[in-house]
């Protein structure tokens, strides 16, 4: 299932960090939880996303202001995703890929 690969990428992005503030980390955590819920109808095993604000804040110093804007945009992109369905799985997967592609521009220091 193509979207399963996106889950792995998104989970990896959780460990990128989320520079900015507790607020940005909180928003990212909420977006990731929402993503998991939205992805569930398209997979037999709901994606398990391990995220804590402490993990997010641990790398705060390594992220630039530009990185913080990218993470904020990634969060917005995840929040804008509709709930996946078997009928919309390909389109949904493409939307997820767009979110991931945009997040792939994070600096090496923030990854």
C-alpha atoms as a PDB file:
ATOM      1  CA  UNK A   1       0.000   0.000   0.000  1.00  0.00           C
ATOM      2  CA  UNK A   2       1.548   3.224  -1.187  1.00  0.00           C
ATOM      3  CA  UNK A   3       0.322   5.350   1.695  1.00  0.00           C
ATOM      4  CA  UNK A   4       2.079   3.084   4.197  1.00  0.00           C
ATOM      5  CA  UNK A   5       5.389   4.379   2.857  1.00  0.00           C
ATOM      6  CA  UNK A   6       4.249   7.900   3.585  1.00  0.00           C
ATOM      7  CA  UNK A   7       3.549   6.957   7.193  1.00  0.00           C
ATOM      8  CA  UNK A   8       7.178   5.961   7.590  1.00  0.00           C
ATOM      9  CA  UNK A   9       8.343   9.252   6.106  1.00  0.00           C
ATOM     10  CA  UNK A  10       6.009  11.263   8.285  1.00  0.00           C
ATOM     11  CA  UNK A  11       7.107   9.356  11.377  1.00  0.00           C
ATOM     12  CA  UNK A  12      10.701  10.131  10.454  1.00  0.00           C
ATOM     13  CA  UNK A  13       9.787  13.799  10.214  1.00  0.00           C
ATOM     14  CA  UNK A  14       8.641  13.686  13.826  1.00  0.00           C
ATOM     15  CA  UNK A  15      12.226  13.141  14.825  1.00  0.00           C
ATOM     16  CA  UNK A  16      13.464  16.028  12.697  1.00  0.00           C
ATOM     17  CA  UNK A  17      12.667  18.410  15.515  1.00  0.00           C
ATOM     18  CA  UNK A  18      10.442  21.331  15.563  1.00  0.00           C
ATOM     19  CA  UNK A  19      12.249  24.494  16.310  1.00  0.00           C
ATOM     20  CA  UNK A  20      10.358  27.467  17.475  1.00  0.00           C
ATOM     21  CA  UNK A  21       8.474  27.052  20.654  1.00  0.00           C
ATOM     22  CA  UNK A  22       6.395  24.726  22.743  1.00  0.00           C
ATOM     23  CA  UNK A  23       3.471  26.116  20.790  1.00  0.00           C
ATOM     24  CA  UNK A  24       4.891  24.918  17.455  1.00  0.00           C
ATOM     25  CA  UNK A  25       5.708  21.539  18.973  1.00  0.00           C
ATOM     26  CA  UNK A  26       2.192  21.303  20.373  1.00  0.00           C
ATOM     27  CA  UNK A  27       0.704  22.156  16.977  1.00  0.00           C
ATOM     28  CA  UNK A  28       2.931  19.575  15.295  1.00  0.00           C
ATOM     29  CA  UNK A  29       1.894  16.914  17.808  1.00  0.00           C
ATOM     30  CA  UNK A  30      -1.769  17.694  17.238  1.00  0.00           C
ATOM     31  CA  UNK A  31      -1.302  17.587  13.455  1.00  0.00           C
ATOM     32  CA  UNK A  32       0.476  14.218  13.663  1.00  0.00           C
ATOM     33  CA  UNK A  33      -2.288  12.771  15.820  1.00  0.00           C
ATOM     34  CA  UNK A  34      -4.825  14.069  13.319  1.00  0.00           C
ATOM     35  CA  UNK A  35      -2.823  12.572  10.473  1.00  0.00           C
ATOM     36  CA  UNK A  36      -2.886   9.182  12.172  1.00  0.00           C
ATOM     37  CA  UNK A  37      -6.664   9.380  12.519  1.00  0.00           C
ATOM     38  CA  UNK A  38      -7.102  10.508   8.913  1.00  0.00           C
ATOM     39  CA  UNK A  39      -4.845   7.710   7.616  1.00  0.00           C
ATOM     40  CA  UNK A  40      -6.542   4.887   9.524  1.00  0.00           C
ATOM     41  CA  UNK A  41      -9.312   4.140   6.978  1.00  0.00           C
ATOM     42  CA  UNK A  42      -6.667   3.330   4.334  1.00  0.00           C
ATOM     43  CA  UNK A  43      -4.559   0.911   6.295  1.00  0.00           C
ATOM     44  CA  UNK A  44      -5.137  -2.274   8.250  1.00  0.00           C
ATOM     45  CA  UNK A  45      -2.695  -1.116  10.887  1.00  0.00           C
ATOM     46  CA  UNK A  46      -3.106   2.498  11.991  1.00  0.00           C
ATOM     47  CA  UNK A  47       0.190   4.361  11.905  1.00  0.00           C
ATOM     48  CA  UNK A  48       1.830   4.584  15.302  1.00  0.00           C
ATOM     49  CA  UNK A  49       3.445   7.966  15.659  1.00  0.00           C
ATOM     50  CA  UNK A  50       5.657   8.416  18.651  1.00  0.00           C
ATOM     51  CA  UNK A  51       5.855  12.093  19.507  1.00  0.00           C
ATOM     52  CA  UNK A  52       6.522  14.121  22.602  1.00  0.00           C
ATOM     53  CA  UNK A  53       7.014  17.818  23.081  1.00  0.00           C
ATOM     54  CA  UNK A  54      10.285  16.965  24.849  1.00  0.00           C
ATOM     55  CA  UNK A  55      11.605  15.260  21.698  1.00  0.00           C
ATOM     56  CA  UNK A  56      10.504  18.202  19.631  1.00  0.00           C
ATOM     57  CA  UNK A  57      12.070  20.780  21.918  1.00  0.00           C
ATOM     58  CA  UNK A  58      15.296  18.798  22.341  1.00  0.00           C
ATOM     59  CA  UNK A  59      16.596  19.953  18.982  1.00  0.00           C
ATOM     60  CA  UNK A  60      15.185  23.446  19.140  1.00  0.00           C
ATOM     61  CA  UNK A  61      18.562  25.156  19.003  1.00  0.00           C
ATOM     62  CA  UNK A  62      19.527  23.462  15.734  1.00  0.00           C
ATOM     63  CA  UNK A  63      16.561  24.757  13.730  1.00  0.00           C
ATOM     64  CA  UNK A  64      16.668  28.086  11.932  1.00  0.00           C
ATOM     65  CA  UNK A  65      13.770  30.472  11.558  1.00  0.00           C
ATOM     66  CA  UNK A  66      13.365  29.154   8.007  1.00  0.00           C
ATOM     67  CA  UNK A  67      13.161  25.596   9.399  1.00  0.00           C
ATOM     68  CA  UNK A  68      10.488  26.722  11.833  1.00  0.00           C
ATOM     69  CA  UNK A  69       8.440  28.138   8.967  1.00  0.00           C
ATOM     70  CA  UNK A  70       8.817  24.857   7.060  1.00  0.00           C
ATOM     71  CA  UNK A  71       7.647  22.866  10.077  1.00  0.00           C
ATOM     72  CA  UNK A  72       4.720  25.228  10.537  1.00  0.00           C
ATOM     73  CA  UNK A  73       3.777  24.788   6.874  1.00  0.00           C
ATOM     74  CA  UNK A  74       4.108  21.011   7.220  1.00  0.00           C
ATOM     75  CA  UNK A  75       1.761  21.158  10.203  1.00  0.00           C
ATOM     76  CA  UNK A  76      -0.727  23.225   8.216  1.00  0.00           C
ATOM     77  CA  UNK A  77      -0.486  20.797   5.314  1.00  0.00           C
ATOM     78  CA  UNK A  78      -1.231  17.800   7.561  1.00  0.00           C
ATOM     79  CA  UNK A  79      -4.145  19.631   9.136  1.00  0.00           C
ATOM     80  CA  UNK A  80      -5.597  20.381   5.700  1.00  0.00           C
ATOM     81  CA  UNK A  81      -5.618  16.716   4.645  1.00  0.00           C
ATOM     82  CA  UNK A  82      -9.042  15.118   4.364  1.00  0.00           C
ATOM     83  CA  UNK A  83      -9.686  11.714   5.886  1.00  0.00           C
ATOM     84  CA  UNK A  84      -8.420   8.964   3.612  1.00  0.00           C
ATOM     85  CA  UNK A  85     -10.834   6.475   2.094  1.00  0.00           C
ATOM     86  CA  UNK A  86     -10.276   3.545  -0.216  1.00  0.00           C
ATOM     87  CA  UNK A  87     -11.928   5.558  -2.990  1.00  0.00           C
ATOM     88  CA  UNK A  88      -9.571   8.518  -2.481  1.00  0.00           C
ATOM     89  CA  UNK A  89      -6.431   6.676  -1.424  1.00  0.00           C
ATOM     90  CA  UNK A  90      -4.310   7.582  -4.451  1.00  0.00           C
ATOM     91  CA  UNK A  91      -5.254  11.253  -4.327  1.00  0.00           C
ATOM     92  CA  UNK A  92      -4.789  11.307  -0.563  1.00  0.00           C
ATOM     93  CA  UNK A  93      -1.363   9.674  -0.863  1.00  0.00           C
ATOM     94  CA  UNK A  94      -0.351  12.319  -3.385  1.00  0.00           C
ATOM     95  CA  UNK A  95      -1.471  15.035  -0.972  1.00  0.00           C
ATOM     96  CA  UNK A  96       0.617  13.460   1.785  1.00  0.00           C
ATOM     97  CA  UNK A  97       3.580  13.304  -0.573  1.00  0.00           C
ATOM     98  CA  UNK A  98       3.231  17.029  -1.216  1.00  0.00           C
ATOM     99  CA  UNK A  99       3.384  17.695   2.529  1.00  0.00           C
ATOM    100  CA  UNK A 100       6.456  15.479   2.869  1.00  0.00           C
ATOM    101  CA  UNK A 101       8.205  16.991  -0.158  1.00  0.00           C
ATOM    102  CA  UNK A 102       7.838  20.463   1.297  1.00  0.00           C
ATOM    103  CA  UNK A 103       9.204  19.294   4.641  1.00  0.00           C
ATOM    104  CA  UNK A 104      12.201  17.701   2.956  1.00  0.00           C
ATOM    105  CA  UNK A 105      13.666  21.179   2.537  1.00  0.00           C
ATOM    106  CA  UNK A 106      14.594  21.388   6.213  1.00  0.00           C
ATOM    107  CA  UNK A 107      18.238  22.184   6.855  1.00  0.00           C
ATOM    108  CA  UNK A 108      20.553  19.315   7.697  1.00  0.00           C
ATOM    109  CA  UNK A 109      21.059  20.768  11.183  1.00  0.00           C
ATOM    110  CA  UNK A 110      17.348  20.520  11.933  1.00  0.00           C
ATOM    111  CA  UNK A 111      16.936  16.925  10.760  1.00  0.00           C
END
